[in-house]
Amino acid sequence: MKIAIPVDEKNIKSNVCVSFGRTPYFLLHDTHTKESVFLDNSAVASTGGAGIKAAQVIVDNKVNALLTPRCGQNAADVLKTADIKIFKTTNASIKENIEDYISGNLPLLEEIHAGFHGHGGK
């Protein structure tokens, strides 16, 4: 199972980023092999549509689940079409959120916001 998490830094000890579309990086973690890789988020500098572009990065990397504190409607639609589940992170620690996901203790993200559409999102 491959999961993705928006992160502030390329460091496993970093925190989960509060912004999905404008996160600087994504951590991709394979729950079977325990291998983690960091990806630059090419959507971070987009003038618009960052959430959709970030969601496409997740889809293109064949991720099964996204762990994030929030997600906009347009990005959620892209992820849903690709059958990627969205889980709500419960604290700032990347490691704890991964452990909570593996143990089944992360809830699905139910509150999808309308998006920031040109407002910068931060």
N, C-alpha and C. Protein backbone atom coordinates (compact mmCIF):
# COMPACT_ATOMS: atom_id res chain seq x y z
N MET A 1 0.85 -1.18 0.00
CA MET A 1 0.00 0.00 0.00
C MET A 1 0.89 1.23 0.00
N LYS A 2 0.66 2.12 -0.96
CA LYS A 2 1.46 3.34 -1.05
C LYS A 2 0.61 4.51 -0.56
N ILE A 3 1.16 5.25 0.39
CA ILE A 3 0.46 6.43 0.92
C ILE A 3 1.27 7.68 0.61
N ALA A 4 0.58 8.82 0.55
CA ALA A 4 1.22 10.11 0.31
C ALA A 4 0.82 11.07 1.42
N ILE A 5 1.76 11.91 1.81
CA ILE A 5 1.52 12.91 2.86
C ILE A 5 2.16 14.22 2.43
N PRO A 6 1.42 15.34 2.48
CA PRO A 6 2.05 16.63 2.22
C PRO A 6 2.94 17.01 3.40
N VAL A 7 4.20 17.37 3.12
CA VAL A 7 5.14 17.66 4.21
C VAL A 7 5.86 18.99 3.98
N ASP A 8 6.31 19.58 5.08
CA ASP A 8 6.98 20.87 5.03
C ASP A 8 8.44 20.79 4.59
N GLU A 9 9.10 19.66 4.90
CA GLU A 9 10.52 19.50 4.60
C GLU A 9 10.79 18.08 4.14
N LYS A 10 11.92 17.89 3.46
CA LYS A 10 12.33 16.54 3.04
C LYS A 10 13.03 15.85 4.21
N ASN A 11 12.26 15.58 5.24
CA ASN A 11 12.80 14.98 6.46
C ASN A 11 11.66 14.24 7.15
N ILE A 12 11.85 12.98 7.46
CA ILE A 12 10.80 12.17 8.10
C ILE A 12 10.40 12.75 9.46
N LYS A 13 11.28 13.57 10.04
CA LYS A 13 10.97 14.19 11.33
C LYS A 13 10.24 15.51 11.16
N SER A 14 10.00 15.90 9.92
CA SER A 14 9.26 17.12 9.62
C SER A 14 7.79 16.93 10.00
N ASN A 15 7.01 17.98 9.82
CA ASN A 15 5.59 17.93 10.12
C ASN A 15 4.76 17.79 8.84
N VAL A 16 3.53 17.35 9.02
CA VAL A 16 2.57 17.32 7.94
C VAL A 16 2.26 18.78 7.58
N CYS A 17 2.25 19.09 6.30
CA CYS A 17 1.94 20.44 5.83
C CYS A 17 0.42 20.66 5.90
N VAL A 18 0.00 21.83 6.33
CA VAL A 18 -1.44 22.12 6.44
C VAL A 18 -2.11 22.33 5.09
N SER A 19 -1.32 22.56 4.05
CA SER A 19 -1.87 22.80 2.73
C SER A 19 -1.53 21.65 1.80
N PHE A 20 -2.55 21.03 1.21
CA PHE A 20 -2.31 19.93 0.28
C PHE A 20 -1.75 20.44 -1.05
N GLY A 21 -2.47 21.33 -1.71
CA GLY A 21 -2.07 21.80 -3.04
C GLY A 21 -0.79 22.62 -3.05
N ARG A 22 -0.51 23.33 -1.97
CA ARG A 22 0.66 24.22 -1.91
C ARG A 22 1.77 23.67 -1.03
N THR A 23 1.69 22.39 -0.69
CA THR A 23 2.78 21.79 0.09
C THR A 23 4.08 21.82 -0.72
N PRO A 24 5.21 22.05 -0.08
CA PRO A 24 6.46 22.04 -0.84
C PRO A 24 6.83 20.64 -1.35
N TYR A 25 6.49 19.61 -0.55
CA TYR A 25 6.90 18.24 -0.87
C TYR A 25 5.80 17.25 -0.51
N PHE A 26 5.88 16.08 -1.12
CA PHE A 26 5.06 14.94 -0.72
C PHE A 26 5.99 13.83 -0.26
N LEU A 27 5.63 13.19 0.82
CA LEU A 27 6.31 11.98 1.24
C LEU A 27 5.49 10.81 0.71
N LEU A 28 6.12 9.94 -0.06
CA LEU A 28 5.47 8.71 -0.52
C LEU A 28 6.06 7.59 0.33
N HIS A 29 5.18 6.83 0.97
CA HIS A 29 5.63 5.77 1.89
C HIS A 29 4.94 4.47 1.52
N ASP A 30 5.72 3.43 1.34
CA ASP A 30 5.19 2.10 1.07
C ASP A 30 5.06 1.36 2.39
N THR A 31 3.83 1.02 2.78
CA THR A 31 3.61 0.40 4.08
C THR A 31 4.13 -1.03 4.15
N HIS A 32 4.38 -1.66 3.01
CA HIS A 32 4.91 -3.03 3.00
C HIS A 32 6.43 -3.04 3.11
N THR A 33 7.08 -2.26 2.27
CA THR A 33 8.55 -2.25 2.25
C THR A 33 9.13 -1.27 3.26
N LYS A 34 8.31 -0.37 3.78
CA LYS A 34 8.73 0.70 4.71
C LYS A 34 9.62 1.74 4.03
N GLU A 35 9.68 1.70 2.71
CA GLU A 35 10.49 2.64 1.95
C GLU A 35 9.75 3.97 1.81
N SER A 36 10.49 5.07 1.99
CA SER A 36 9.93 6.41 1.84
C SER A 36 10.75 7.21 0.85
N VAL A 37 10.07 7.99 0.01
CA VAL A 37 10.75 8.91 -0.89
C VAL A 37 10.03 10.26 -0.85
N PHE A 38 10.77 11.31 -1.08
CA PHE A 38 10.20 12.64 -1.11
C PHE A 38 10.11 13.12 -2.55
N LEU A 39 9.00 13.75 -2.87
CA LEU A 39 8.80 14.33 -4.20
C LEU A 39 8.61 15.83 -4.05
N ASP A 40 9.20 16.59 -4.95
CA ASP A 40 8.91 18.02 -5.01
C ASP A 40 7.49 18.16 -5.55
N ASN A 41 6.73 19.09 -4.99
CA ASN A 41 5.38 19.36 -5.49
C ASN A 41 5.48 20.41 -6.59
N SER A 42 5.36 19.97 -7.82
CA SER A 42 5.47 20.89 -8.95
C SER A 42 4.32 21.90 -8.99
N ALA A 43 3.25 21.66 -8.25
CA ALA A 43 2.09 22.56 -8.25
C ALA A 43 2.25 23.73 -7.28
N VAL A 44 3.26 23.71 -6.44
CA VAL A 44 3.38 24.70 -5.37
C VAL A 44 3.41 26.14 -5.88
N ALA A 45 3.99 26.37 -7.05
CA ALA A 45 4.10 27.73 -7.58
C ALA A 45 3.01 28.08 -8.58
N SER A 46 2.05 27.22 -8.75
CA SER A 46 0.97 27.47 -9.72
C SER A 46 0.17 28.70 -9.33
N THR A 47 -0.21 29.47 -10.34
CA THR A 47 -1.04 30.65 -10.07
C THR A 47 -2.48 30.24 -9.79
N GLY A 48 -2.87 29.08 -10.23
CA GLY A 48 -4.21 28.57 -9.97
C GLY A 48 -4.24 27.08 -10.21
N GLY A 49 -5.22 26.41 -9.63
CA GLY A 49 -5.37 24.97 -9.84
C GLY A 49 -4.33 24.12 -9.15
N ALA A 50 -3.70 24.64 -8.10
CA ALA A 50 -2.63 23.89 -7.41
C ALA A 50 -3.15 22.57 -6.85
N GLY A 51 -4.35 22.57 -6.30
CA GLY A 51 -4.90 21.35 -5.73
C GLY A 51 -5.10 20.26 -6.77
N ILE A 52 -5.62 20.65 -7.93
CA ILE A 52 -5.84 19.68 -9.01
C ILE A 52 -4.50 19.14 -9.51
N LYS A 53 -3.52 20.02 -9.68
CA LYS A 53 -2.20 19.60 -10.16
C LYS A 53 -1.52 18.70 -9.13
N ALA A 54 -1.64 19.05 -7.85
CA ALA A 54 -1.06 18.21 -6.79
C ALA A 54 -1.74 16.85 -6.74
N ALA A 55 -3.05 16.83 -6.91
CA ALA A 55 -3.79 15.57 -6.92
C ALA A 55 -3.34 14.70 -8.08
N GLN A 56 -3.05 15.31 -9.23
CA GLN A 56 -2.59 14.54 -10.38
C GLN A 56 -1.22 13.93 -10.12
N VAL A 57 -0.37 14.63 -9.37
CA VAL A 57 0.94 14.09 -8.98
C VAL A 57 0.72 12.82 -8.15
N ILE A 58 -0.24 12.87 -7.24
CA ILE A 58 -0.55 11.72 -6.38
C ILE A 58 -1.05 10.56 -7.25
N VAL A 59 -1.95 10.84 -8.17
CA VAL A 59 -2.49 9.81 -9.06
C VAL A 59 -1.37 9.21 -9.91
N ASP A 60 -0.53 10.06 -10.50
CA ASP A 60 0.54 9.60 -11.38
C ASP A 60 1.54 8.70 -10.65
N ASN A 61 1.66 8.87 -9.34
CA ASN A 61 2.59 8.05 -8.55
C ASN A 61 1.93 6.81 -7.97
N LYS A 62 0.72 6.51 -8.45
CA LYS A 62 0.00 5.28 -8.08
C LYS A 62 -0.15 5.10 -6.58
N VAL A 63 -0.55 6.18 -5.93
CA VAL A 63 -0.78 6.18 -4.49
C VAL A 63 -2.16 5.58 -4.20
N ASN A 64 -2.27 4.85 -3.09
CA ASN A 64 -3.54 4.25 -2.68
C ASN A 64 -4.32 5.11 -1.70
N ALA A 65 -3.59 5.90 -0.89
CA ALA A 65 -4.25 6.72 0.13
C ALA A 65 -3.46 8.00 0.36
N LEU A 66 -4.19 9.08 0.61
CA LEU A 66 -3.60 10.37 0.94
C LEU A 66 -3.91 10.67 2.40
N LEU A 67 -2.90 11.08 3.15
CA LEU A 67 -3.07 11.50 4.54
C LEU A 67 -2.82 13.01 4.57
N THR A 68 -3.85 13.79 4.90
CA THR A 68 -3.74 15.24 4.85
C THR A 68 -4.72 15.87 5.84
N PRO A 69 -4.40 17.08 6.35
CA PRO A 69 -5.34 17.72 7.28
C PRO A 69 -6.56 18.31 6.58
N ARG A 70 -6.41 18.66 5.27
CA ARG A 70 -7.55 19.23 4.55
C ARG A 70 -7.32 19.06 3.05
N CYS A 71 -8.42 19.17 2.30
CA CYS A 71 -8.35 18.99 0.85
C CYS A 71 -9.51 19.75 0.22
N GLY A 72 -9.24 20.41 -0.89
CA GLY A 72 -10.28 21.14 -1.62
C GLY A 72 -11.11 20.21 -2.49
N GLN A 73 -12.28 20.69 -2.87
CA GLN A 73 -13.23 19.88 -3.63
C GLN A 73 -12.67 19.42 -4.97
N ASN A 74 -12.04 20.30 -5.72
CA ASN A 74 -11.52 19.92 -7.04
C ASN A 74 -10.45 18.84 -6.94
N ALA A 75 -9.55 18.99 -5.97
CA ALA A 75 -8.52 17.98 -5.76
C ALA A 75 -9.15 16.67 -5.30
N ALA A 76 -10.12 16.76 -4.40
CA ALA A 76 -10.80 15.56 -3.90
C ALA A 76 -11.51 14.82 -5.02
N ASP A 77 -12.06 15.56 -5.96
CA ASP A 77 -12.74 14.93 -7.11
C ASP A 77 -11.74 14.13 -7.96
N VAL A 78 -10.56 14.70 -8.19
CA VAL A 78 -9.52 14.00 -8.96
C VAL A 78 -9.11 12.72 -8.24
N LEU A 79 -8.90 12.83 -6.93
CA LEU A 79 -8.47 11.67 -6.13
C LEU A 79 -9.56 10.60 -6.09
N LYS A 80 -10.81 11.05 -5.93
CA LYS A 80 -11.92 10.11 -5.86
C LYS A 80 -12.08 9.34 -7.18
N THR A 81 -11.91 10.04 -8.30
CA THR A 81 -12.00 9.40 -9.61
C THR A 81 -10.94 8.30 -9.75
N ALA A 82 -9.78 8.52 -9.15
CA ALA A 82 -8.69 7.54 -9.19
C ALA A 82 -8.81 6.50 -8.07
N ASP A 83 -9.89 6.55 -7.31
CA ASP A 83 -10.15 5.61 -6.21
C ASP A 83 -9.07 5.69 -5.12
N ILE A 84 -8.61 6.92 -4.85
CA ILE A 84 -7.65 7.15 -3.78
C ILE A 84 -8.41 7.66 -2.56
N LYS A 85 -8.27 6.96 -1.45
CA LYS A 85 -8.95 7.34 -0.21
C LYS A 85 -8.19 8.49 0.45
N ILE A 86 -8.94 9.40 1.07
CA ILE A 86 -8.34 10.55 1.76
C ILE A 86 -8.60 10.40 3.26
N PHE A 87 -7.52 10.37 4.02
CA PHE A 87 -7.62 10.24 5.47
C PHE A 87 -7.16 11.54 6.13
N LYS A 88 -7.78 11.88 7.24
CA LYS A 88 -7.47 13.12 7.97
C LYS A 88 -6.34 12.88 8.96
N THR A 89 -5.26 13.64 8.80
CA THR A 89 -4.17 13.53 9.76
C THR A 89 -4.66 14.04 11.11
N THR A 90 -4.12 13.45 12.17
CA THR A 90 -4.62 13.77 13.51
C THR A 90 -3.63 14.57 14.35
N ASN A 91 -2.38 14.69 13.88
CA ASN A 91 -1.39 15.48 14.60
C ASN A 91 -0.32 15.91 13.61
N ALA A 92 0.66 16.64 14.06
CA ALA A 92 1.66 17.20 13.16
C ALA A 92 2.72 16.19 12.73
N SER A 93 2.97 15.16 13.52
CA SER A 93 4.06 14.24 13.26
C SER A 93 3.77 13.30 12.09
N ILE A 94 4.68 13.29 11.12
CA ILE A 94 4.55 12.39 9.97
C ILE A 94 4.53 10.94 10.46
N LYS A 95 5.51 10.60 11.29
CA LYS A 95 5.67 9.22 11.76
C LYS A 95 4.41 8.73 12.49
N GLU A 96 3.87 9.56 13.38
CA GLU A 96 2.67 9.15 14.13
C GLU A 96 1.48 8.97 13.20
N ASN A 97 1.34 9.82 12.19
CA ASN A 97 0.23 9.67 11.25
C ASN A 97 0.37 8.39 10.43
N ILE A 98 1.59 8.05 10.04
CA ILE A 98 1.80 6.79 9.32
C ILE A 98 1.42 5.61 10.21
N GLU A 99 1.88 5.65 11.46
CA GLU A 99 1.56 4.57 12.40
C GLU A 99 0.06 4.48 12.64
N ASP A 100 -0.60 5.63 12.79
CA ASP A 100 -2.06 5.64 12.99
C ASP A 100 -2.79 5.08 11.77
N TYR A 101 -2.30 5.41 10.57
CA TYR A 101 -2.92 4.89 9.36
C TYR A 101 -2.78 3.36 9.31
N ILE A 102 -1.58 2.87 9.54
CA ILE A 102 -1.32 1.42 9.48
C ILE A 102 -2.18 0.67 10.50
N SER A 103 -2.36 1.26 11.68
CA SER A 103 -3.15 0.59 12.71
C SER A 103 -4.65 0.83 12.56
N GLY A 104 -5.04 1.59 11.52
CA GLY A 104 -6.47 1.82 11.28
C GLY A 104 -7.10 2.89 12.15
N ASN A 105 -6.27 3.76 12.72
CA ASN A 105 -6.78 4.78 13.64
C ASN A 105 -6.94 6.17 13.02
N LEU A 106 -6.72 6.32 11.72
CA LEU A 106 -6.96 7.61 11.08
C LEU A 106 -8.35 7.61 10.46
N PRO A 107 -9.12 8.66 10.72
CA PRO A 107 -10.46 8.73 10.12
C PRO A 107 -10.39 9.20 8.67
N LEU A 108 -11.40 8.84 7.90
CA LEU A 108 -11.52 9.39 6.55
C LEU A 108 -11.76 10.89 6.67
N LEU A 109 -11.24 11.66 5.73
CA LEU A 109 -11.47 13.10 5.70
C LEU A 109 -12.86 13.33 5.14
N GLU A 110 -13.76 13.76 5.99
CA GLU A 110 -15.17 13.96 5.60
C GLU A 110 -15.44 15.39 5.15
N GLU A 111 -14.73 16.35 5.73
CA GLU A 111 -14.98 17.76 5.43
C GLU A 111 -14.07 18.23 4.30
N ILE A 112 -14.60 18.23 3.11
CA ILE A 112 -13.87 18.72 1.95
C ILE A 112 -14.28 20.18 1.74
N HIS A 113 -13.30 21.09 1.71
CA HIS A 113 -13.66 22.50 1.58
C HIS A 113 -13.80 22.88 0.10
N ALA A 114 -14.40 24.02 -0.15
CA ALA A 114 -14.69 24.46 -1.52
C ALA A 114 -13.42 24.79 -2.30
N GLY A 115 -12.32 25.01 -1.60
CA GLY A 115 -11.07 25.39 -2.26
C GLY A 115 -10.83 26.87 -2.10
N PHE A 116 -9.62 27.29 -2.39
CA PHE A 116 -9.26 28.69 -2.18
C PHE A 116 -9.27 29.49 -3.47
N HIS A 117 -9.25 28.82 -4.61
CA HIS A 117 -9.41 29.43 -5.91
C HIS A 117 -8.84 30.82 -6.06
N GLY A 118 -7.51 30.87 -6.16
CA GLY A 118 -6.83 32.14 -6.41
C GLY A 118 -6.53 32.95 -5.18
N HIS A 119 -6.76 32.37 -4.00
CA HIS A 119 -6.50 33.11 -2.76
C HIS A 119 -5.22 32.68 -2.09
N GLY A 120 -4.41 31.88 -2.75
CA GLY A 120 -3.12 31.48 -2.20
C GLY A 120 -3.18 30.29 -1.29
N GLY A 121 -4.26 30.04 -0.61
CA GLY A 121 -4.46 28.84 0.16
C GLY A 121 -3.72 28.71 1.48
N LYS A 122 -2.96 29.70 1.90
CA LYS A 122 -2.22 29.50 3.15
C LYS A 122 -2.81 30.26 4.28
